[in-house]
Amino acid sequence: MVFNKYLTERELLSDLMTSEKELSNLYNDALTKSCSPLLKQTLSQCFFNTLDIQSSIHHANNIRGWNNARKTTEKDISNIVRHFKYKKYY
């Protein structure tokens, strides 16, 4: 990993979130392939730890006003449903 000492706090939080999302995907994949109950338990704990960390990062972004989330309207949902309902997958 290349460390840039000039990354902003916002960029660092974004990078952390991306890394935690990737880790949770990897743990999830390992969980589905694991046969050992003890290993599944360990991987589950690691997986849930990444979700807790993602929540903390999300909270850190929220208190800084950096999350661009907005409430979804019924019209937005209808548009998305319509888009995928009529989309052809080949």
N, C-alpha and C. Protein backbone atom coordinates (compact mmCIF):
# COMPACT_ATOMS: atom_id res chain seq x y z
N MET A 1 0.85 -1.18 0.00
CA MET A 1 0.00 0.00 0.00
C MET A 1 0.88 1.24 0.00
N VAL A 2 0.57 2.16 -0.85
CA VAL A 2 1.30 3.41 -0.92
C VAL A 2 0.64 4.39 0.04
N PHE A 3 1.42 4.97 0.92
CA PHE A 3 0.88 5.93 1.88
C PHE A 3 1.19 7.34 1.41
N ASN A 4 0.16 8.12 1.28
CA ASN A 4 0.32 9.51 0.89
C ASN A 4 0.07 10.36 2.13
N LYS A 5 1.11 11.01 2.61
CA LYS A 5 0.96 11.79 3.83
C LYS A 5 0.10 13.03 3.63
N TYR A 6 -0.31 13.28 2.40
CA TYR A 6 -1.12 14.45 2.12
C TYR A 6 -2.60 14.12 1.92
N LEU A 7 -3.01 12.89 2.20
CA LEU A 7 -4.43 12.56 2.10
C LEU A 7 -5.21 13.36 3.14
N THR A 8 -6.38 13.78 2.75
CA THR A 8 -7.23 14.49 3.69
C THR A 8 -7.91 13.48 4.61
N GLU A 9 -8.48 13.98 5.68
CA GLU A 9 -9.20 13.11 6.60
C GLU A 9 -10.37 12.43 5.88
N ARG A 10 -11.01 13.16 5.02
CA ARG A 10 -12.13 12.60 4.26
C ARG A 10 -11.67 11.46 3.35
N GLU A 11 -10.54 11.66 2.69
CA GLU A 11 -10.00 10.62 1.81
C GLU A 11 -9.58 9.39 2.62
N LEU A 12 -9.01 9.62 3.79
CA LEU A 12 -8.61 8.50 4.65
C LEU A 12 -9.83 7.70 5.10
N LEU A 13 -10.89 8.38 5.51
CA LEU A 13 -12.10 7.67 5.92
C LEU A 13 -12.72 6.91 4.75
N SER A 14 -12.69 7.49 3.59
CA SER A 14 -13.21 6.81 2.40
C SER A 14 -12.39 5.56 2.10
N ASP A 15 -11.08 5.67 2.19
CA ASP A 15 -10.20 4.53 1.95
C ASP A 15 -10.42 3.44 3.00
N LEU A 16 -10.59 3.86 4.26
CA LEU A 16 -10.87 2.89 5.32
C LEU A 16 -12.18 2.15 5.05
N MET A 17 -13.21 2.88 4.63
CA MET A 17 -14.50 2.25 4.36
C MET A 17 -14.38 1.24 3.22
N THR A 18 -13.68 1.61 2.18
CA THR A 18 -13.48 0.69 1.05
C THR A 18 -12.76 -0.56 1.50
N SER A 19 -11.74 -0.40 2.32
CA SER A 19 -10.97 -1.55 2.82
C SER A 19 -11.84 -2.45 3.70
N GLU A 20 -12.64 -1.87 4.56
CA GLU A 20 -13.50 -2.66 5.44
C GLU A 20 -14.58 -3.40 4.64
N LYS A 21 -15.10 -2.77 3.61
CA LYS A 21 -16.10 -3.43 2.76
C LYS A 21 -15.47 -4.63 2.06
N GLU A 22 -14.25 -4.46 1.57
CA GLU A 22 -13.56 -5.57 0.91
C GLU A 22 -13.28 -6.70 1.90
N LEU A 23 -12.84 -6.35 3.10
CA LEU A 23 -12.60 -7.36 4.12
C LEU A 23 -13.88 -8.13 4.46
N SER A 24 -14.98 -7.42 4.62
CA SER A 24 -16.23 -8.11 4.96
C SER A 24 -16.65 -9.05 3.84
N ASN A 25 -16.42 -8.67 2.58
CA ASN A 25 -16.72 -9.56 1.46
C ASN A 25 -15.84 -10.81 1.50
N LEU A 26 -14.57 -10.63 1.84
CA LEU A 26 -13.66 -11.77 1.92
C LEU A 26 -14.04 -12.71 3.07
N TYR A 27 -14.36 -12.15 4.22
CA TYR A 27 -14.80 -12.99 5.34
C TYR A 27 -16.09 -13.73 4.99
N ASN A 28 -17.03 -13.06 4.35
CA ASN A 28 -18.28 -13.68 3.96
C ASN A 28 -18.02 -14.84 3.01
N ASP A 29 -17.14 -14.65 2.05
CA ASP A 29 -16.80 -15.71 1.11
C ASP A 29 -16.16 -16.89 1.84
N ALA A 30 -15.24 -16.61 2.75
CA ALA A 30 -14.58 -17.68 3.51
C ALA A 30 -15.59 -18.43 4.38
N LEU A 31 -16.56 -17.70 4.94
CA LEU A 31 -17.60 -18.34 5.76
C LEU A 31 -18.39 -19.36 4.96
N THR A 32 -18.75 -19.02 3.75
CA THR A 32 -19.57 -19.92 2.94
C THR A 32 -18.78 -21.16 2.51
N LYS A 33 -17.46 -21.07 2.48
CA LYS A 33 -16.64 -22.20 2.03
C LYS A 33 -16.07 -23.02 3.18
N SER A 34 -16.21 -22.53 4.39
CA SER A 34 -15.63 -23.20 5.55
C SER A 34 -16.49 -24.37 6.01
N CYS A 35 -15.82 -25.46 6.41
CA CYS A 35 -16.53 -26.64 6.92
C CYS A 35 -16.37 -26.79 8.43
N SER A 36 -15.36 -26.19 8.98
CA SER A 36 -15.06 -26.34 10.40
C SER A 36 -15.92 -25.39 11.24
N PRO A 37 -16.67 -25.92 12.21
CA PRO A 37 -17.49 -25.05 13.06
C PRO A 37 -16.67 -24.01 13.83
N LEU A 38 -15.48 -24.41 14.30
CA LEU A 38 -14.64 -23.46 15.03
C LEU A 38 -14.15 -22.34 14.10
N LEU A 39 -13.76 -22.72 12.90
CA LEU A 39 -13.33 -21.70 11.93
C LEU A 39 -14.49 -20.79 11.54
N LYS A 40 -15.68 -21.37 11.35
CA LYS A 40 -16.86 -20.56 11.04
C LYS A 40 -17.14 -19.55 12.15
N GLN A 41 -16.99 -19.98 13.39
CA GLN A 41 -17.22 -19.09 14.52
C GLN A 41 -16.22 -17.94 14.51
N THR A 42 -14.96 -18.25 14.27
CA THR A 42 -13.92 -17.23 14.22
C THR A 42 -14.14 -16.26 13.07
N LEU A 43 -14.45 -16.81 11.90
CA LEU A 43 -14.70 -15.96 10.73
C LEU A 43 -15.95 -15.10 10.93
N SER A 44 -16.96 -15.65 11.58
CA SER A 44 -18.17 -14.88 11.85
C SER A 44 -17.86 -13.68 12.73
N GLN A 45 -17.05 -13.91 13.75
CA GLN A 45 -16.67 -12.81 14.64
C GLN A 45 -15.89 -11.73 13.88
N CYS A 46 -14.98 -12.18 13.02
CA CYS A 46 -14.21 -11.22 12.21
C CYS A 46 -15.14 -10.45 11.27
N PHE A 47 -16.08 -11.16 10.66
CA PHE A 47 -17.04 -10.54 9.75
C PHE A 47 -17.84 -9.46 10.48
N PHE A 48 -18.38 -9.81 11.65
CA PHE A 48 -19.19 -8.84 12.39
C PHE A 48 -18.35 -7.68 12.91
N ASN A 49 -17.07 -7.92 13.19
CA ASN A 49 -16.18 -6.83 13.58
C ASN A 49 -16.03 -5.83 12.44
N THR A 50 -15.91 -6.32 11.21
CA THR A 50 -15.79 -5.39 10.08
C THR A 50 -17.06 -4.56 9.92
N LEU A 51 -18.22 -5.17 10.19
CA LEU A 51 -19.47 -4.41 10.10
C LEU A 51 -19.53 -3.33 11.17
N ASP A 52 -19.04 -3.65 12.37
CA ASP A 52 -19.00 -2.64 13.44
C ASP A 52 -18.07 -1.49 13.07
N ILE A 53 -16.93 -1.82 12.48
CA ILE A 53 -15.98 -0.79 12.07
C ILE A 53 -16.58 0.08 10.96
N GLN A 54 -17.28 -0.56 10.02
CA GLN A 54 -17.94 0.22 8.96
C GLN A 54 -18.95 1.19 9.56
N SER A 55 -19.66 0.74 10.56
CA SER A 55 -20.63 1.61 11.23
C SER A 55 -19.93 2.79 11.89
N SER A 56 -18.79 2.53 12.51
CA SER A 56 -18.02 3.61 13.15
C SER A 56 -17.51 4.62 12.12
N ILE A 57 -17.05 4.12 10.99
CA ILE A 57 -16.57 5.00 9.92
C ILE A 57 -17.74 5.83 9.38
N HIS A 58 -18.88 5.18 9.19
CA HIS A 58 -20.08 5.88 8.72
C HIS A 58 -20.46 6.98 9.70
N HIS A 59 -20.42 6.67 10.99
CA HIS A 59 -20.73 7.67 12.02
C HIS A 59 -19.73 8.84 11.96
N ALA A 60 -18.45 8.52 11.80
CA ALA A 60 -17.43 9.57 11.70
C ALA A 60 -17.71 10.49 10.52
N ASN A 61 -18.13 9.91 9.40
CA ASN A 61 -18.51 10.72 8.23
C ASN A 61 -19.74 11.57 8.52
N ASN A 62 -20.71 10.98 9.20
CA ASN A 62 -21.95 11.71 9.52
C ASN A 62 -21.68 12.93 10.38
N ILE A 63 -20.88 12.78 11.43
CA ILE A 63 -20.66 13.92 12.32
C ILE A 63 -19.86 15.03 11.65
N ARG A 64 -19.18 14.68 10.57
CA ARG A 64 -18.45 15.69 9.79
C ARG A 64 -19.29 16.23 8.64
N GLY A 65 -20.47 15.66 8.44
CA GLY A 65 -21.35 16.12 7.37
C GLY A 65 -20.93 15.65 6.00
N TRP A 66 -20.22 14.53 5.93
CA TRP A 66 -19.68 14.06 4.65
C TRP A 66 -20.50 12.98 3.99
N ASN A 67 -21.52 12.46 4.62
CA ASN A 67 -22.37 11.47 3.95
C ASN A 67 -23.40 12.20 3.13
N ASN A 68 -23.55 11.76 1.90
CA ASN A 68 -24.47 12.43 0.98
C ASN A 68 -25.81 11.71 0.90
N ALA A 69 -26.14 10.97 1.93
CA ALA A 69 -27.39 10.21 1.91
C ALA A 69 -28.58 11.14 1.98
N ARG A 70 -29.62 10.77 1.30
CA ARG A 70 -30.87 11.51 1.36
C ARG A 70 -32.00 10.50 1.39
N LYS A 71 -33.15 10.95 1.84
CA LYS A 71 -34.30 10.06 1.89
C LYS A 71 -34.75 9.75 0.47
N THR A 72 -35.09 8.49 0.26
CA THR A 72 -35.57 8.07 -1.04
C THR A 72 -37.07 8.28 -1.12
N THR A 73 -37.48 8.90 -2.20
CA THR A 73 -38.92 9.13 -2.40
C THR A 73 -39.55 7.93 -3.09
N GLU A 74 -40.88 7.88 -3.03
CA GLU A 74 -41.59 6.80 -3.72
C GLU A 74 -41.35 6.87 -5.23
N LYS A 75 -41.20 8.07 -5.74
CA LYS A 75 -40.94 8.24 -7.17
C LYS A 75 -39.58 7.64 -7.54
N ASP A 76 -38.57 7.87 -6.68
CA ASP A 76 -37.25 7.29 -6.93
C ASP A 76 -37.33 5.77 -6.98
N ILE A 77 -38.05 5.19 -6.04
CA ILE A 77 -38.18 3.73 -5.99
C ILE A 77 -38.92 3.22 -7.23
N SER A 78 -39.97 3.90 -7.61
CA SER A 78 -40.73 3.51 -8.81
C SER A 78 -39.85 3.56 -10.05
N ASN A 79 -39.03 4.59 -10.15
CA ASN A 79 -38.11 4.72 -11.30
C ASN A 79 -37.11 3.58 -11.34
N ILE A 80 -36.59 3.20 -10.19
CA ILE A 80 -35.62 2.10 -10.14
C ILE A 80 -36.29 0.78 -10.51
N VAL A 81 -37.47 0.54 -9.96
CA VAL A 81 -38.21 -0.68 -10.28
C VAL A 81 -38.50 -0.75 -11.77
N ARG A 82 -38.97 0.35 -12.33
CA ARG A 82 -39.29 0.40 -13.75
C ARG A 82 -38.03 0.16 -14.58
N HIS A 83 -36.92 0.74 -14.18
CA HIS A 83 -35.66 0.58 -14.91
C HIS A 83 -35.26 -0.90 -14.99
N PHE A 84 -35.30 -1.60 -13.87
CA PHE A 84 -34.85 -2.98 -13.85
C PHE A 84 -35.91 -3.96 -14.35
N LYS A 85 -37.16 -3.57 -14.25
CA LYS A 85 -38.24 -4.44 -14.71
C LYS A 85 -38.19 -4.61 -16.22
N TYR A 86 -37.86 -3.56 -16.92
CA TYR A 86 -37.87 -3.60 -18.37
C TYR A 86 -36.48 -3.72 -18.99
N LYS A 87 -35.48 -3.83 -18.16
CA LYS A 87 -34.11 -3.97 -18.68
C LYS A 87 -33.91 -5.39 -19.17
N LYS A 88 -33.32 -5.54 -20.31
CA LYS A 88 -33.07 -6.87 -20.87
C LYS A 88 -31.63 -7.27 -20.56
N TYR A 89 -31.50 -8.46 -20.02
CA TYR A 89 -30.17 -9.00 -19.69
C TYR A 89 -29.87 -10.13 -20.67
N TYR A 90 -28.80 -9.98 -21.39
CA TYR A 90 -28.42 -10.99 -22.38
C TYR A 90 -27.14 -11.63 -21.98
